[in-house]
Amino acid sequence: MTTATKPAPTRALFTVKAAAEYLSLGRSTIYELMAANKLPYVKVGRIRRLRLAELDAFVAELEISTN
């Protein structure tokens, strides 16, 4: 039996929209996390971009709910 896996992203920087899709969150949530300094980002001119490593680190730090 094979398990379907998501192919690894090949980009280094994600737009807010792409990061939201990658994390299965809304764009507003991504902006809120960035404003609260919970999700680091880089600025390229006026545009915010998120690093893949930071997105993966964010997921790794989430607590697993046991309820």
Protein backbone atom coordinates (compact mmCIF):
# COMPACT_ATOMS: atom_id res chain seq x y z
CA MET A 1 0.00 0.00 0.00
CA THR A 2 1.40 3.39 -0.95
CA THR A 3 0.79 6.62 0.85
CA ALA A 4 0.29 9.81 -1.12
CA THR A 5 2.83 12.40 -0.06
CA LYS A 6 3.01 16.04 -0.89
CA PRO A 7 5.98 16.89 -3.10
CA ALA A 8 8.55 19.05 -1.39
CA PRO A 9 8.30 22.72 -2.35
CA THR A 10 11.13 23.92 -4.55
CA ARG A 11 10.96 27.60 -3.71
CA ALA A 12 12.94 29.31 -0.97
CA LEU A 13 10.54 32.20 -0.33
CA PHE A 14 6.77 32.06 -0.14
CA THR A 15 4.20 34.79 -0.67
CA VAL A 16 1.68 35.24 2.13
CA LYS A 17 -0.91 33.49 -0.03
CA ALA A 18 1.40 30.54 -0.78
CA ALA A 19 2.41 30.28 2.89
CA ALA A 20 -1.26 30.24 3.88
CA GLU A 21 -1.91 27.41 1.43
CA TYR A 22 1.18 25.51 2.60
CA LEU A 23 0.09 25.75 6.26
CA SER A 24 -3.64 25.34 5.50
CA LEU A 25 -4.38 28.67 7.17
CA GLY A 26 -6.01 31.88 6.01
CA ARG A 27 -4.04 34.85 4.73
CA SER A 28 -5.33 36.98 7.62
CA THR A 29 -4.00 34.43 10.09
CA ILE A 30 -0.56 34.57 8.45
CA TYR A 31 -0.55 38.39 8.72
CA GLU A 32 -1.62 38.15 12.39
CA LEU A 33 1.17 35.66 13.14
CA MET A 34 3.72 37.93 11.44
CA ALA A 35 2.45 40.99 13.37
CA ALA A 36 2.73 39.04 16.64
CA ASN A 37 6.32 38.03 15.76
CA LYS A 38 5.33 34.36 15.85
CA LEU A 39 6.14 33.83 12.18
CA PRO A 40 9.37 35.47 10.97
CA TYR A 41 9.47 36.99 7.50
CA VAL A 42 11.79 38.94 5.24
CA LYS A 43 10.95 42.09 3.34
CA VAL A 44 11.85 42.45 -0.30
CA GLY A 45 11.12 46.08 -0.94
CA ARG A 46 7.58 46.52 0.37
CA ILE A 47 6.67 42.87 -0.05
CA ARG A 48 6.81 40.31 2.76
CA ARG A 49 8.11 36.82 2.05
CA LEU A 50 8.32 33.80 4.31
CA ARG A 51 11.13 31.25 4.28
CA LEU A 52 10.29 27.58 3.97
CA ALA A 53 12.51 26.77 6.96
CA GLU A 54 10.59 29.28 9.11
CA LEU A 55 7.25 27.78 8.06
CA ASP A 56 8.45 24.28 8.93
CA ALA A 57 9.88 25.50 12.25
CA PHE A 58 6.53 27.13 13.07
CA VAL A 59 4.72 23.84 12.49
CA ALA A 60 7.28 21.93 14.56
CA GLU A 61 6.71 24.27 17.50
CA LEU A 62 2.93 23.84 17.56
CA GLU A 63 1.63 21.85 20.47
CA ILE A 64 -0.34 18.73 19.69
CA SER A 65 -3.79 18.86 21.21
CA THR A 66 -4.63 15.84 23.36
CA ASN A 67 -8.28 16.75 23.97
